[in-house]
Structures are given as C-alpha cells and as structure tokens.
Amino acid sequence: MGAPKHNVNRAAHGLRACRLPRGCGYVAKEASRFRKSLETAVADVYGSVDLRRAAAIDEALKWHTHSLLASRWLRREGANLDGEAQLRFSRAAADAAAARNRIVSELLPKDAILANLYKLESAWDS
C-alpha cells in the first residue's frame, strides 16, 4: 500500500554512493532536498518511481549537485580567480543547471512541473 500522496515518507530513503568535499554539507542537504521533492513529484504523477525514472532522477541529482558545487566554489574562490576561470565556473554551473532542467522536463509533464513548482524551486534555489 505505501504512504499516502504528498507524504514525505512515500519517497525512498536515499542512499548515497559518495561524499562531497569537506565544507560542502549544505550542498549535500540541498541536493537531498531536491531529490526528495523530485521523487515525490514523479510518484504523484506516475504512482511510483520505476527503475528508468529513478535513473533519470539520479542523473538530474548529479547535475544539480554539480551546479551547486560550481556556484559554491565560484562564490568562495571567485576573488582569487582570473576572469577566464570565473567564466569557466559560471559556465559549468549554467550548463549543469540546463542539463538538470532538461532531464526534469523529460521526466515530468509540464502541468506536473507547474503543480510542483514551489517544491522544486525551493530545492533549486540553493
């Protein structure tokens, strides 16, 4: 039977395969929150998260984490980098966010994205 819709216990518990560098705990928390909200949105639309959708969620999560890390390092080390290096970090963050958004738009219908926009935006706006 499982947990009812919109219940946070409905999502998987979220095992992690690797750890982020020291000092990136906030990024890990934001990535976990993004994963949970995306899994909940997928489960609300399709009833469950099958293997194909779980793989797409994992890929979106990796791109989201990459975007967060690139943005974080640009904020922390931006003053010590030349302009070209700053642009590389900025481009990496933008490319990762675009890849994440592409996967989410393939994974969820547009009306489901709009219905879950607040939950997804709060996870993206880290």
Foldseek 3Di string as FASTA:
>chain_A
DADDQPDLRRADPDDDDDDDDPPCPVLVVLLVLLLSLLQSLLCVVPVHQDPVNVVLSVLLSVLLSQLVVLVVCCVVCVVVDDPVVNVVSVVSNVVSNVSSVVSSCVRDPPVSCVVSVVSNCVSNVD
